[in-house]
């Protein structure tokens, strides 16, 4: 209990400091555009320091469910390029989401269940039927906010390994879209320029494809329970 209390206090202080010092001002599209050249110059002279520092910041933002992950993904594309930015962001997002998952499971369970209890039923049902396809669907199709999937998944029976790899691969398409947009930062005036209906529709199709194995298994299971056709001869 003492360890749990200390961890809760650290989380509360970190989140409180983020808002008290108005650090959110640096995680805005305008802030990114204003500082893009300085960030790129620093990356040119200290590549590994920039990569590791960026991953660290991304992990903290996602693990604490702070606002700004979208801007950070754009930043990854602006600093590292579309492909390298996707890889760097994916590492930070996966580790951060896993830490949020573990925090919800072992530290914040009571709060999460009280806060989002009415939304837990479909998550439990989905994970109980086919965990890997369900987490892929949730990551590919933006039905729920990223942080909410992290927290609610943590209080289900979803296996950690399935959640980790489902998040790693499920976030890749969306990450590439935003990182690629970040590599063309000058042409973006608002986040709505990125999340167009066409892009969202593509994510929906990807999510539906991820459900095909689960739907096939359900169809196969139902057919196997049907009575065999009669072979009785007249």
Protein backbone atom coordinates (compact mmCIF):
# COMPACT_ATOMS: atom_id res chain seq x y z
CA UNK A 1 0.00 0.00 0.00
CA UNK A 2 2.87 2.38 0.78
CA UNK A 3 4.41 1.77 -2.66
CA UNK A 4 1.03 2.29 -4.28
CA UNK A 5 0.52 5.56 -2.41
CA UNK A 6 3.97 6.84 -3.40
CA UNK A 7 3.35 5.97 -7.05
CA UNK A 8 -0.03 7.70 -6.98
CA UNK A 9 1.59 10.79 -5.45
CA UNK A 10 4.29 10.84 -8.15
CA UNK A 11 1.67 10.55 -10.90
CA UNK A 12 -0.45 13.31 -9.35
CA UNK A 13 2.57 15.62 -9.00
CA UNK A 14 3.69 15.00 -12.58
CA UNK A 15 0.23 15.68 -14.01
CA UNK A 16 -0.22 18.72 -11.76
CA UNK A 17 3.15 20.14 -12.77
CA UNK A 18 2.31 19.73 -16.44
CA UNK A 19 -0.76 21.94 -16.12
CA UNK A 20 0.63 24.30 -13.47
CA UNK A 21 3.63 25.26 -15.60
CA UNK A 22 1.45 25.33 -18.75
CA UNK A 23 3.71 22.91 -20.57
CA UNK A 24 0.86 22.23 -22.97
CA UNK A 25 1.80 25.45 -24.80
CA UNK A 26 4.83 23.64 -26.22
CA UNK A 27 2.66 20.79 -27.53
CA UNK A 28 0.68 22.84 -30.01
CA UNK A 29 0.79 23.09 -33.78
CA UNK A 30 1.88 26.71 -33.58
CA UNK A 31 4.62 25.89 -31.08
CA UNK A 32 5.87 23.07 -33.29
CA UNK A 33 6.03 25.32 -36.34
CA UNK A 34 7.88 28.01 -34.41
CA UNK A 35 10.50 25.60 -32.99
CA UNK A 36 10.82 23.13 -35.85
CA UNK A 37 14.10 24.57 -37.19
CA UNK A 38 15.77 24.60 -33.76
CA UNK A 39 14.70 20.99 -33.11
CA UNK A 40 15.97 19.88 -36.50
CA UNK A 41 19.29 21.68 -35.97
CA UNK A 42 19.76 19.97 -32.60
CA UNK A 43 19.00 16.60 -34.19
CA UNK A 44 21.65 17.27 -36.83
CA UNK A 45 24.40 17.61 -34.20
CA UNK A 46 23.11 15.19 -31.55
CA UNK A 47 21.02 12.53 -33.27
CA UNK A 48 20.94 9.86 -30.55
CA UNK A 49 20.38 12.36 -27.77
CA UNK A 50 17.41 13.77 -29.69
CA UNK A 51 15.97 10.34 -30.44
CA UNK A 52 16.25 9.10 -26.85
CA UNK A 53 14.96 12.38 -25.42
CA UNK A 54 12.01 12.38 -27.81
CA UNK A 55 11.11 8.80 -26.92
CA UNK A 56 11.35 9.67 -23.21
CA UNK A 57 9.00 12.64 -23.57
CA UNK A 58 6.56 10.58 -25.62
CA UNK A 59 6.55 7.81 -23.01
CA UNK A 60 5.78 10.29 -20.21
CA UNK A 61 2.96 11.99 -22.15
CA UNK A 62 1.26 8.71 -23.06
CA UNK A 63 1.87 6.96 -19.73
CA UNK A 64 0.32 9.89 -17.81
CA UNK A 65 -2.49 10.33 -20.37
CA UNK A 66 -1.47 13.95 -20.96
CA UNK A 67 -2.66 15.92 -24.00
CA UNK A 68 -0.19 16.41 -26.82
CA UNK A 69 0.52 12.96 -28.30
CA UNK A 70 -0.80 14.02 -31.71
CA UNK A 71 1.50 17.04 -31.83
CA UNK A 72 4.41 14.88 -30.72
CA UNK A 73 3.71 12.47 -33.58
CA UNK A 74 3.74 15.39 -36.02
CA UNK A 75 7.00 16.50 -34.40
CA UNK A 76 8.49 13.07 -34.99
CA UNK A 77 7.80 13.38 -38.69
CA UNK A 78 9.04 16.97 -38.81
CA UNK A 79 12.33 16.15 -37.05
CA UNK A 80 13.17 12.60 -38.17
CA UNK A 81 11.22 12.25 -41.43
CA UNK A 82 8.16 10.13 -42.19
CA UNK A 83 9.66 6.62 -41.91
CA UNK A 84 12.16 7.17 -39.10
CA UNK A 85 9.62 9.35 -37.29
CA UNK A 86 7.06 6.54 -37.44
CA UNK A 87 9.56 4.10 -35.89
CA UNK A 88 10.62 6.49 -33.12
CA UNK A 89 7.04 7.45 -32.26
CA UNK A 90 5.96 3.81 -32.28
CA UNK A 91 8.55 2.92 -29.65
CA UNK A 92 7.48 5.77 -27.36
CA UNK A 93 3.76 5.18 -27.90
CA UNK A 94 3.96 1.43 -27.28
CA UNK A 95 6.02 1.72 -24.10
CA UNK A 96 3.93 4.63 -22.80
CA UNK A 97 0.66 2.83 -23.52
CA UNK A 98 1.96 -0.29 -21.79
CA UNK A 99 2.91 1.71 -18.68
CA UNK A 100 -0.57 3.29 -18.65
CA UNK A 101 -2.05 -0.20 -19.02
CA UNK A 102 -0.02 -1.48 -16.05
CA UNK A 103 -0.86 1.59 -13.95
CA UNK A 104 -4.56 1.05 -14.58
CA UNK A 105 -4.28 -2.64 -13.69
CA UNK A 106 -2.22 -2.39 -10.52
CA UNK A 107 -2.51 1.19 -9.22
CA UNK A 108 -5.53 3.01 -10.64
CA UNK A 109 -8.00 0.13 -10.96
CA UNK A 110 -10.55 1.47 -8.46
CA UNK A 111 -10.52 4.95 -9.99
CA UNK A 112 -10.78 3.67 -13.57
CA UNK A 113 -13.66 1.32 -12.73
CA UNK A 114 -15.51 4.10 -10.91
CA UNK A 115 -14.88 6.69 -13.63
CA UNK A 116 -15.50 4.56 -16.72
CA UNK A 117 -17.46 1.62 -15.33
CA UNK A 118 -20.29 1.87 -17.87
CA UNK A 119 -17.81 1.55 -20.75
CA UNK A 120 -16.07 -1.56 -19.47
CA UNK A 121 -18.64 -4.13 -20.59
CA UNK A 122 -17.90 -3.99 -24.35
CA UNK A 123 -14.15 -4.03 -23.65
CA UNK A 124 -14.41 -7.13 -21.48
CA UNK A 125 -16.62 -8.84 -24.03
CA UNK A 126 -14.29 -8.03 -26.92
CA UNK A 127 -11.13 -9.15 -25.14
CA UNK A 128 -12.74 -12.36 -23.92
CA UNK A 129 -13.66 -13.42 -27.46
CA UNK A 130 -10.50 -12.59 -29.41
CA UNK A 131 -8.03 -10.33 -27.64
CA UNK A 132 -5.49 -9.72 -30.42
CA UNK A 133 -8.06 -8.88 -33.09
CA UNK A 134 -9.98 -6.68 -30.70
CA UNK A 135 -6.97 -4.60 -29.66
CA UNK A 136 -5.94 -4.26 -33.31
CA UNK A 137 -9.44 -3.04 -34.14
CA UNK A 138 -9.38 -0.50 -31.30
CA UNK A 139 -6.00 0.83 -32.39
CA UNK A 140 -6.83 0.99 -36.09
CA UNK A 141 -10.29 2.53 -35.79
CA UNK A 142 -10.40 5.73 -33.69
CA UNK A 143 -13.66 4.93 -31.91
CA UNK A 144 -12.20 5.71 -28.49
CA UNK A 145 -9.42 8.12 -27.46
CA UNK A 146 -5.98 6.52 -27.23
CA UNK A 147 -5.64 7.15 -23.50
CA UNK A 148 -9.07 5.65 -22.80
CA UNK A 149 -8.15 2.40 -24.55
CA UNK A 150 -4.99 2.23 -22.43
CA UNK A 151 -6.84 2.66 -19.14
CA UNK A 152 -9.87 0.50 -19.86
CA UNK A 153 -7.76 -2.33 -21.29
CA UNK A 154 -5.77 -2.39 -18.07
CA UNK A 155 -8.77 -3.34 -15.95
CA UNK A 156 -9.85 -6.14 -18.29
CA UNK A 157 -8.38 -9.64 -18.47
CA UNK A 158 -6.39 -8.76 -21.59
CA UNK A 159 -2.95 -10.46 -21.50
CA UNK A 160 -0.06 -8.00 -21.33
CA UNK A 161 1.79 -9.60 -24.26
CA UNK A 162 -1.27 -9.43 -26.50
CA UNK A 163 -1.88 -5.80 -25.53
CA UNK A 164 1.76 -4.84 -26.14
CA UNK A 165 2.07 -6.33 -29.63
CA UNK A 166 -1.47 -5.37 -30.61
CA UNK A 167 -0.65 -1.77 -29.73
CA UNK A 168 2.72 -1.89 -31.48
CA UNK A 169 1.31 -3.07 -34.80
CA UNK A 170 -2.14 -1.51 -34.53
CA UNK A 171 -0.82 2.04 -34.15
CA UNK A 172 1.60 1.88 -37.09
CA UNK A 173 -0.79 3.01 -39.87
CA UNK A 174 -2.11 6.00 -37.93
CA UNK A 175 1.36 6.92 -36.76
CA UNK A 176 2.67 6.94 -40.32
CA UNK A 177 -0.18 9.18 -41.49
CA UNK A 178 0.63 11.81 -38.85
CA UNK A 179 4.42 11.45 -39.12
CA UNK A 180 4.20 11.80 -42.89
CA UNK A 181 2.06 14.92 -42.42
CA UNK A 182 4.65 16.24 -39.97
CA UNK A 183 7.35 15.85 -42.61
CA UNK A 184 5.29 18.33 -44.68
CA UNK A 185 4.63 20.62 -41.75
CA UNK A 186 4.46 23.87 -43.75
CA UNK A 187 1.33 22.67 -45.58
CA UNK A 188 -0.63 21.98 -42.37
CA UNK A 189 -2.75 24.74 -40.89
CA UNK A 190 -4.85 22.64 -38.51
CA UNK A 191 -5.14 19.04 -37.32
CA UNK A 192 -8.32 18.69 -39.36
CA UNK A 193 -6.16 18.90 -42.47
CA UNK A 194 -4.73 15.50 -41.54
CA UNK A 195 -7.74 13.56 -40.26
CA UNK A 196 -9.75 13.86 -43.47
CA UNK A 197 -12.84 11.67 -44.13
CA UNK A 198 -10.78 9.63 -46.58
CA UNK A 199 -8.08 8.89 -44.02
CA UNK A 200 -10.63 7.98 -41.34
CA UNK A 201 -12.43 5.74 -43.82
CA UNK A 202 -9.18 3.92 -44.56
CA UNK A 203 -8.68 3.28 -40.83
CA UNK A 204 -12.21 1.87 -40.59
CA UNK A 205 -11.50 -0.53 -43.45
CA UNK A 206 -8.24 -1.63 -41.80
CA UNK A 207 -10.10 -2.20 -38.55
CA UNK A 208 -12.73 -4.30 -40.28
CA UNK A 209 -10.02 -6.40 -41.91
CA UNK A 210 -8.54 -7.04 -38.47
CA UNK A 211 -11.86 -8.56 -37.40
CA UNK A 212 -12.06 -11.03 -40.29
CA UNK A 213 -10.20 -13.86 -38.45
CA UNK A 214 -12.47 -13.48 -35.41
CA UNK A 215 -15.62 -13.45 -37.55
CA UNK A 216 -14.39 -16.53 -39.41
CA UNK A 217 -13.74 -18.39 -36.16
CA UNK A 218 -17.23 -17.51 -34.93
CA UNK A 219 -18.79 -18.67 -38.20
CA UNK A 220 -16.76 -21.88 -38.10
CA UNK A 221 -17.74 -22.52 -34.46
CA UNK A 222 -21.43 -22.05 -35.20
CA UNK A 223 -21.31 -24.38 -38.20
CA UNK A 224 -19.51 -27.06 -36.22
CA UNK A 225 -22.39 -27.06 -33.71
CA UNK A 226 -25.03 -27.64 -36.39
CA UNK A 227 -26.47 -31.19 -36.59
CA UNK A 228 -24.91 -33.33 -39.32
CA UNK A 229 -27.11 -33.93 -42.38
CA UNK A 230 -29.05 -37.19 -42.28
CA UNK A 231 -27.55 -40.08 -44.24
CA UNK A 232 -30.53 -42.34 -43.72
CA UNK A 233 -31.51 -44.08 -46.95
CA UNK A 234 -35.10 -44.63 -48.00
